[in-house]
Structures are given as structure tokens and as C-alpha cells.
Amino acid sequence: MERINEKIKAAAVFEDNNIKPKWFVWKNRKYAITETTYSWKTKSGEEQVIHFSVTDGNTLFEISYNQKTLKWVLEKTE
């Protein structure tokens, strides 16, 4: 996977302590998420980050959501 590490805009549904990303915008292009294949959590100091492996049906992406800063990042793409 290619490392990107860029801030993105994203939309997600927050339901029953779960976060379900629905779409994100990267380089002025909107990607509709068709499936979340895996998710996991990491800690960076006091900040908890939730990572998602998602696809738009063509490309696999790793995006993350920082629960302290409320920021989304595109970590990697394949």
C-alpha cells in the first residue's frame, strides 16, 4: 500500500458506539464507501485513533479518525 497521510473530509454514521464511514473527499474527489473490511484502534499518547480499511468497490483505502481532535486522515491507498 502507498502511504498518503493527508487530512480528508469524511461523513460517518455514529450509532451504538460504532462509527460507520460512508464517504470521504480526497483531492476534490468524493469516494463512496461500499464496504468496511476491517477496523481497529490505536493510541498516540492520550489520543485514541480508530482505523478503517474501506473500499469504494475499486480501490482499498486505510482511513483513520482521531477521537480527540475529530480529524479524518487518509493513511494509505492501494
PDB file of N, CA and C in Angstrom:
ATOM      1  N   MET A   1       0.845  -1.189   0.000  1.00  0.00           N
ATOM      2  CA  MET A   1       0.000   0.000   0.000  1.00  0.00           C
ATOM      3  C   MET A   1       0.884   1.243   0.000  1.00  0.00           C
ATOM      4  N   GLU A   2       0.407   2.263  -0.647  1.00  0.00           N
ATOM      5  CA  GLU A   2       1.132   3.535  -0.720  1.00  0.00           C
ATOM      6  C   GLU A   2       0.722   4.431   0.439  1.00  0.00           C
ATOM      7  N   ARG A   3       1.691   4.962   1.166  1.00  0.00           N
ATOM      8  CA  ARG A   3       1.443   5.849   2.298  1.00  0.00           C
ATOM      9  C   ARG A   3       1.053   7.217   1.778  1.00  0.00           C
ATOM     10  N   ILE A   4      -0.087   7.764   2.256  1.00  0.00           N
ATOM     11  CA  ILE A   4      -0.578   9.072   1.840  1.00  0.00           C
ATOM     12  C   ILE A   4      -0.478  10.078   2.986  1.00  0.00           C
ATOM     13  N   ASN A   5      -1.128   9.781   4.115  1.00  0.00           N
ATOM     14  CA  ASN A   5      -1.092  10.612   5.325  1.00  0.00           C
ATOM     15  C   ASN A   5      -1.533  12.054   5.067  1.00  0.00           C
ATOM     16  N   GLU A   6      -2.750  12.210   4.505  1.00  0.00           N
ATOM     17  CA  GLU A   6      -3.308  13.536   4.229  1.00  0.00           C
ATOM     18  C   GLU A   6      -4.666  13.669   4.901  1.00  0.00           C
ATOM     19  N   LYS A   7      -4.943  14.873   5.419  1.00  0.00           N
ATOM     20  CA  LYS A   7      -6.253  15.133   6.008  1.00  0.00           C
ATOM     21  C   LYS A   7      -7.321  15.061   4.921  1.00  0.00           C
ATOM     22  N   ILE A   8      -8.482  14.531   5.298  1.00  0.00           N
ATOM     23  CA  ILE A   8      -9.606  14.424   4.368  1.00  0.00           C
ATOM     24  C   ILE A   8     -10.875  14.898   5.065  1.00  0.00           C
ATOM     25  N   LYS A   9     -11.892  15.169   4.265  1.00  0.00           N
ATOM     26  CA  LYS A   9     -13.229  15.400   4.784  1.00  0.00           C
ATOM     27  C   LYS A   9     -13.955  14.073   4.671  1.00  0.00           C
ATOM     28  N   ALA A  10     -14.743  13.735   5.694  1.00  0.00           N
ATOM     29  CA  ALA A  10     -15.445  12.460   5.679  1.00  0.00           C
ATOM     30  C   ALA A  10     -16.802  12.608   6.343  1.00  0.00           C
ATOM     31  N   ALA A  11     -17.696  11.687   5.974  1.00  0.00           N
ATOM     32  CA  ALA A  11     -19.008  11.595   6.607  1.00  0.00           C
ATOM     33  C   ALA A  11     -19.148  10.195   7.173  1.00  0.00           C
ATOM     34  N   ALA A  12     -19.739  10.129   8.357  1.00  0.00           N
ATOM     35  CA  ALA A  12     -19.905   8.836   9.010  1.00  0.00           C
ATOM     36  C   ALA A  12     -21.194   8.834   9.817  1.00  0.00           C
ATOM     37  N   VAL A  13     -21.688   7.639  10.059  1.00  0.00           N
ATOM     38  CA  VAL A  13     -22.845   7.449  10.922  1.00  0.00           C
ATOM     39  C   VAL A  13     -22.325   6.959  12.266  1.00  0.00           C
ATOM     40  N   PHE A  14     -22.730   7.632  13.328  1.00  0.00           N
ATOM     41  CA  PHE A  14     -22.348   7.253  14.689  1.00  0.00           C
ATOM     42  C   PHE A  14     -23.570   6.598  15.320  1.00  0.00           C
ATOM     43  N   GLU A  15     -23.445   5.287  15.609  1.00  0.00           N
ATOM     44  CA  GLU A  15     -24.599   4.538  16.099  1.00  0.00           C
ATOM     45  C   GLU A  15     -24.161   3.456  17.081  1.00  0.00           C
ATOM     46  N   ASP A  16     -24.752   3.440  18.265  1.00  0.00           N
ATOM     47  CA  ASP A  16     -24.477   2.407  19.276  1.00  0.00           C
ATOM     48  C   ASP A  16     -22.986   2.187  19.499  1.00  0.00           C
ATOM     49  N   ASN A  17     -22.245   3.245  19.763  1.00  0.00           N
ATOM     50  CA  ASN A  17     -20.794   3.192  19.997  1.00  0.00           C
ATOM     51  C   ASN A  17     -20.001   2.678  18.809  1.00  0.00           C
ATOM     52  N   ASN A  18     -20.591   2.688  17.633  1.00  0.00           N
ATOM     53  CA  ASN A  18     -19.895   2.303  16.400  1.00  0.00           C
ATOM     54  C   ASN A  18     -19.842   3.489  15.454  1.00  0.00           C
ATOM     55  N   ILE A  19     -18.768   3.560  14.697  1.00  0.00           N
ATOM     56  CA  ILE A  19     -18.617   4.591  13.676  1.00  0.00           C
ATOM     57  C   ILE A  19     -18.581   3.877  12.331  1.00  0.00           C
ATOM     58  N   LYS A  20     -19.450   4.306  11.412  1.00  0.00           N
ATOM     59  CA  LYS A  20     -19.509   3.699  10.085  1.00  0.00           C
ATOM     60  C   LYS A  20     -19.234   4.774   9.043  1.00  0.00           C
ATOM     61  N   PRO A  21     -17.999   4.840   8.511  1.00  0.00           N
ATOM     62  CA  PRO A  21     -17.714   5.833   7.471  1.00  0.00           C
ATOM     63  C   PRO A  21     -18.530   5.542   6.218  1.00  0.00           C
ATOM     64  N   LYS A  22     -19.060   6.605   5.603  1.00  0.00           N
ATOM     65  CA  LYS A  22     -19.917   6.461   4.423  1.00  0.00           C
ATOM     66  C   LYS A  22     -19.261   6.992   3.146  1.00  0.00           C
ATOM     67  N   TRP A  23     -18.528   8.099   3.262  1.00  0.00           N
ATOM     68  CA  TRP A  23     -17.802   8.656   2.119  1.00  0.00           C
ATOM     69  C   TRP A  23     -16.702   9.582   2.625  1.00  0.00           C
ATOM     70  N   PHE A  24     -15.749   9.871   1.730  1.00  0.00           N
ATOM     71  CA  PHE A  24     -14.721  10.860   2.055  1.00  0.00           C
ATOM     72  C   PHE A  24     -14.323  11.600   0.781  1.00  0.00           C
ATOM     73  N   VAL A  25     -13.753  12.788   0.974  1.00  0.00           N
ATOM     74  CA  VAL A  25     -13.290  13.611  -0.147  1.00  0.00           C
ATOM     75  C   VAL A  25     -11.782  13.744  -0.036  1.00  0.00           C
ATOM     76  N   TRP A  26     -11.108  13.392  -1.125  1.00  0.00           N
ATOM     77  CA  TRP A  26      -9.656  13.497  -1.204  1.00  0.00           C
ATOM     78  C   TRP A  26      -9.300  14.095  -2.556  1.00  0.00           C
ATOM     79  N   LYS A  27      -8.525  15.168  -2.530  1.00  0.00           N
ATOM     80  CA  LYS A  27      -8.118  15.882  -3.749  1.00  0.00           C
ATOM     81  C   LYS A  27      -9.330  16.239  -4.612  1.00  0.00           C
ATOM     82  N   ASN A  28     -10.347  16.806  -3.952  1.00  0.00           N
ATOM     83  CA  ASN A  28     -11.577  17.281  -4.595  1.00  0.00           C
ATOM     84  C   ASN A  28     -12.388  16.180  -5.278  1.00  0.00           C
ATOM     85  N   ARG A  29     -12.165  14.929  -4.897  1.00  0.00           N
ATOM     86  CA  ARG A  29     -12.949  13.819  -5.444  1.00  0.00           C
ATOM     87  C   ARG A  29     -13.631  13.090  -4.293  1.00  0.00           C
ATOM     88  N   LYS A  30     -14.912  12.819  -4.464  1.00  0.00           N
ATOM     89  CA  LYS A  30     -15.681  12.130  -3.436  1.00  0.00           C
ATOM     90  C   LYS A  30     -15.664  10.623  -3.698  1.00  0.00           C
ATOM     91  N   TYR A  31     -15.338   9.858  -2.667  1.00  0.00           N
ATOM     92  CA  TYR A  31     -15.293   8.398  -2.740  1.00  0.00           C
ATOM     93  C   TYR A  31     -16.405   7.840  -1.849  1.00  0.00           C
ATOM     94  N   ALA A  32     -17.347   7.133  -2.438  1.00  0.00           N
ATOM     95  CA  ALA A  32     -18.417   6.493  -1.674  1.00  0.00           C
ATOM     96  C   ALA A  32     -17.903   5.156  -1.158  1.00  0.00           C
ATOM     97  N   ILE A  33     -17.993   4.956   0.133  1.00  0.00           N
ATOM     98  CA  ILE A  33     -17.508   3.714   0.745  1.00  0.00           C
ATOM     99  C   ILE A  33     -18.590   2.649   0.603  1.00  0.00           C
ATOM    100  N   THR A  34     -18.256   1.568  -0.093  1.00  0.00           N
ATOM    101  CA  THR A  34     -19.213   0.485  -0.291  1.00  0.00           C
ATOM    102  C   THR A  34     -19.076  -0.607   0.755  1.00  0.00           C
ATOM    103  N   GLU A  35     -17.885  -0.682   1.387  1.00  0.00           N
ATOM    104  CA  GLU A  35     -17.669  -1.714   2.402  1.00  0.00           C
ATOM    105  C   GLU A  35     -16.522  -1.323   3.327  1.00  0.00           C
ATOM    106  N   THR A  36     -16.704  -1.591   4.605  1.00  0.00           N
ATOM    107  CA  THR A  36     -15.624  -1.503   5.576  1.00  0.00           C
ATOM    108  C   THR A  36     -15.177  -2.925   5.843  1.00  0.00           C
ATOM    109  N   THR A  37     -13.931  -3.238   5.452  1.00  0.00           N
ATOM    110  CA  THR A  37     -13.467  -4.620   5.555  1.00  0.00           C
ATOM    111  C   THR A  37     -12.859  -4.940   6.917  1.00  0.00           C
ATOM    112  N   TYR A  38     -12.388  -3.917   7.637  1.00  0.00           N
ATOM    113  CA  TYR A  38     -11.752  -4.154   8.933  1.00  0.00           C
ATOM    114  C   TYR A  38     -11.619  -2.828   9.661  1.00  0.00           C
ATOM    115  N   SER A  39     -11.643  -2.864  10.996  1.00  0.00           N
ATOM    116  CA  SER A  39     -11.377  -1.658  11.782  1.00  0.00           C
ATOM    117  C   SER A  39     -10.617  -2.054  13.047  1.00  0.00           C
ATOM    118  N   TRP A  40      -9.810  -1.116  13.552  1.00  0.00           N
ATOM    119  CA  TRP A  40      -9.019  -1.348  14.759  1.00  0.00           C
ATOM    120  C   TRP A  40      -8.688  -0.011  15.393  1.00  0.00           C
ATOM    121  N   LYS A  41      -8.258  -0.065  16.657  1.00  0.00           N
ATOM    122  CA  LYS A  41      -7.936   1.154  17.399  1.00  0.00           C
ATOM    123  C   LYS A  41      -6.468   1.154  17.793  1.00  0.00           C
ATOM    124  N   THR A  42      -5.882   2.367  17.803  1.00  0.00           N
ATOM    125  CA  THR A  42      -4.532   2.572  18.303  1.00  0.00           C
ATOM    126  C   THR A  42      -4.548   3.786  19.224  1.00  0.00           C
ATOM    127  N   LYS A  43      -3.479   3.936  20.000  1.00  0.00           N
ATOM    128  CA  LYS A  43      -3.331   5.101  20.860  1.00  0.00           C
ATOM    129  C   LYS A  43      -2.050   5.834  20.491  1.00  0.00           C
ATOM    130  N   SER A  44      -2.141   7.154  20.490  1.00  0.00           N
ATOM    131  CA  SER A  44      -0.983   8.006  20.293  1.00  0.00           C
ATOM    132  C   SER A  44      -0.972   8.981  21.463  1.00  0.00           C
ATOM    133  N   GLY A  45      -0.241   8.626  22.518  1.00  0.00           N
ATOM    134  CA  GLY A  45      -0.294   9.423  23.743  1.00  0.00           C
ATOM    135  C   GLY A  45      -1.671   9.291  24.353  1.00  0.00           C
ATOM    136  N   GLU A  46      -2.352  10.415  24.559  1.00  0.00           N
ATOM    137  CA  GLU A  46      -3.708  10.400  25.103  1.00  0.00           C
ATOM    138  C   GLU A  46      -4.770  10.278  24.013  1.00  0.00           C
ATOM    139  N   GLU A  47      -4.353  10.318  22.764  1.00  0.00           N
ATOM    140  CA  GLU A  47      -5.312  10.308  21.661  1.00  0.00           C
ATOM    141  C   GLU A  47      -5.588   8.886  21.179  1.00  0.00           C
ATOM    142  N   GLN A  48      -6.880   8.556  21.086  1.00  0.00           N
ATOM    143  CA  GLN A  48      -7.285   7.262  20.555  1.00  0.00           C
ATOM    144  C   GLN A  48      -7.695   7.465  19.097  1.00  0.00           C
ATOM    145  N   VAL A  49      -7.158   6.608  18.233  1.00  0.00           N
ATOM    146  CA  VAL A  49      -7.415   6.707  16.805  1.00  0.00           C
ATOM    147  C   VAL A  49      -8.072   5.413  16.336  1.00  0.00           C
ATOM    148  N   ILE A  50      -9.168   5.566  15.579  1.00  0.00           N
ATOM    149  CA  ILE A  50      -9.836   4.405  15.004  1.00  0.00           C
ATOM    150  C   ILE A  50      -9.456   4.341  13.533  1.00  0.00           C
ATOM    151  N   HIS A  51      -8.967   3.192  13.106  1.00  0.00           N
ATOM    152  CA  HIS A  51      -8.556   2.971  11.717  1.00  0.00           C
ATOM    153  C   HIS A  51      -9.597   2.109  11.015  1.00  0.00           C
ATOM    154  N   PHE A  52      -9.815   2.405   9.737  1.00  0.00           N
ATOM    155  CA  PHE A  52     -10.779   1.652   8.943  1.00  0.00           C
ATOM    156  C   PHE A  52     -10.122   1.258   7.625  1.00  0.00           C
ATOM    157  N   SER A  53     -10.266   0.009   7.269  1.00  0.00           N
ATOM    158  CA  SER A  53      -9.900  -0.450   5.936  1.00  0.00           C
ATOM    159  C   SER A  53     -11.197  -0.449   5.141  1.00  0.00           C
ATOM    160  N   VAL A  54     -11.269   0.402   4.112  1.00  0.00           N
ATOM    161  CA  VAL A  54     -12.517   0.584   3.360  1.00  0.00           C
ATOM    162  C   VAL A  54     -12.260   0.480   1.862  1.00  0.00           C
ATOM    163  N   THR A  55     -13.336   0.252   1.117  1.00  0.00           N
ATOM    164  CA  THR A  55     -13.231   0.216  -0.333  1.00  0.00           C
ATOM    165  C   THR A  55     -14.394   0.980  -0.944  1.00  0.00           C
ATOM    166  N   ASP A  56     -14.147   1.508  -2.137  1.00  0.00           N
ATOM    167  CA  ASP A  56     -15.205   2.130  -2.927  1.00  0.00           C
ATOM    168  C   ASP A  56     -15.677   1.162  -4.021  1.00  0.00           C
ATOM    169  N   GLY A  57     -15.230  -0.079  -3.933  1.00  0.00           N
ATOM    170  CA  GLY A  57     -15.569  -1.089  -4.936  1.00  0.00           C
ATOM    171  C   GLY A  57     -14.452  -1.311  -5.935  1.00  0.00           C
ATOM    172  N   ASN A  58     -13.510  -0.372  -5.987  1.00  0.00           N
ATOM    173  CA  ASN A  58     -12.372  -0.467  -6.908  1.00  0.00           C
ATOM    174  C   ASN A  58     -11.028  -0.420  -6.197  1.00  0.00           C
ATOM    175  N   THR A  59     -10.932   0.426  -5.201  1.00  0.00           N
ATOM    176  CA  THR A  59      -9.659   0.692  -4.536  1.00  0.00           C
ATOM    177  C   THR A  59      -9.803   0.452  -3.038  1.00  0.00           C
ATOM    178  N   LEU A  60      -8.738  -0.032  -2.412  1.00  0.00           N
ATOM    179  CA  LEU A  60      -8.703  -0.231  -0.973  1.00  0.00           C
ATOM    180  C   LEU A  60      -8.001   0.967  -0.337  1.00  0.00           C
ATOM    181  N   PHE A  61      -8.589   1.495   0.724  1.00  0.00           N
ATOM    182  CA  PHE A  61      -8.046   2.653   1.434  1.00  0.00           C
ATOM    183  C   PHE A  61      -7.956   2.326   2.923  1.00  0.00           C
ATOM    184  N   GLU A  62      -7.003   2.964   3.594  1.00  0.00           N
ATOM    185  CA  GLU A  62      -6.995   2.974   5.055  1.00  0.00           C
ATOM    186  C   GLU A  62      -7.227   4.413   5.479  1.00  0.00           C
ATOM    187  N   ILE A  63      -8.329   4.645   6.194  1.00  0.00           N
ATOM    188  CA  ILE A  63      -8.615   5.971   6.725  1.00  0.00           C
ATOM    189  C   ILE A  63      -8.638   5.867   8.245  1.00  0.00           C
ATOM    190  N   SER A  64      -8.437   7.004   8.914  1.00  0.00           N
ATOM    191  CA  SER A  64      -8.451   6.988  10.377  1.00  0.00           C
ATOM    192  C   SER A  64      -9.209   8.196  10.906  1.00  0.00           C
ATOM    193  N   TYR A  65      -9.731   8.017  12.118  1.00  0.00           N
ATOM    194  CA  TYR A  65     -10.482   9.065  12.800  1.00  0.00           C
ATOM    195  C   TYR A  65      -9.896   9.241  14.198  1.00  0.00           C
ATOM    196  N   ASN A  66      -9.410  10.441  14.481  1.00  0.00           N
ATOM    197  CA  ASN A  66      -8.838  10.765  15.785  1.00  0.00           C
ATOM    198  C   ASN A  66      -9.979  11.237  16.689  1.00  0.00           C
ATOM    199  N   GLN A  67     -10.257  10.483  17.744  1.00  0.00           N
ATOM    200  CA  GLN A  67     -11.382  10.794  18.608  1.00  0.00           C
ATOM    201  C   GLN A  67     -11.175  12.037  19.464  1.00  0.00           C
ATOM    202  N   LYS A  68      -9.954  12.473  19.628  1.00  0.00           N
ATOM    203  CA  LYS A  68      -9.696  13.687  20.412  1.00  0.00           C
ATOM    204  C   LYS A  68      -9.786  14.938  19.532  1.00  0.00           C
ATOM    205  N   THR A  69      -9.129  14.905  18.375  1.00  0.00           N
ATOM    206  CA  THR A  69      -9.115  16.083  17.501  1.00  0.00           C
ATOM    207  C   THR A  69     -10.299  16.115  16.529  1.00  0.00           C
ATOM    208  N   LEU A  70     -11.009  14.989  16.394  1.00  0.00           N
ATOM    209  CA  LEU A  70     -12.141  14.833  15.477  1.00  0.00           C
ATOM    210  C   LEU A  70     -11.723  14.992  14.013  1.00  0.00           C
ATOM    211  N   LYS A  71     -10.487  14.654  13.693  1.00  0.00           N
ATOM    212  CA  LYS A  71      -9.955  14.772  12.337  1.00  0.00           C
ATOM    213  C   LYS A  71      -9.887  13.408  11.650  1.00  0.00           C
ATOM    214  N   TRP A  72     -10.148  13.423  10.344  1.00  0.00           N
ATOM    215  CA  TRP A  72     -10.034  12.239   9.496  1.00  0.00           C
ATOM    216  C   TRP A  72      -8.768  12.351   8.659  1.00  0.00           C
ATOM    217  N   VAL A  73      -8.089  11.218   8.448  1.00  0.00           N
ATOM    218  CA  VAL A  73      -6.861  11.170   7.649  1.00  0.00           C
ATOM    219  C   VAL A  73      -6.926   9.977   6.712  1.00  0.00           C
ATOM    220  N   LEU A  74      -6.519  10.206   5.462  1.00  0.00           N
ATOM    221  CA  LEU A  74      -6.297   9.101   4.538  1.00  0.00           C
ATOM    222  C   LEU A  74      -4.877   8.635   4.773  1.00  0.00           C
ATOM    223  N   GLU A  75      -4.741   7.460   5.359  1.00  0.00           N
ATOM    224  CA  GLU A  75      -3.426   6.940   5.718  1.00  0.00           C
ATOM    225  C   GLU A  75      -2.726   6.292   4.533  1.00  0.00           C
ATOM    226  N   LYS A  76      -3.454   5.403   3.848  1.00  0.00           N
ATOM    227  CA  LYS A  76      -2.847   4.628   2.757  1.00  0.00           C
ATOM    228  C   LYS A  76      -3.880   4.328   1.682  1.00  0.00           C
ATOM    229  N   THR A  77      -3.384   4.004   0.494  1.00  0.00           N
ATOM    230  CA  THR A  77      -4.242   3.552  -0.592  1.00  0.00           C
ATOM    231  C   THR A  77      -3.493   2.467  -1.375  1.00  0.00           C
ATOM    232  N   GLU A  78      -4.270   1.609  -2.005  1.00  0.00           N
ATOM    233  CA  GLU A  78      -3.674   0.534  -2.782  1.00  0.00           C
ATOM    234  C   GLU A  78      -4.089   0.638  -4.226  1.00  0.00           C
TER     235      GLU A  78
END
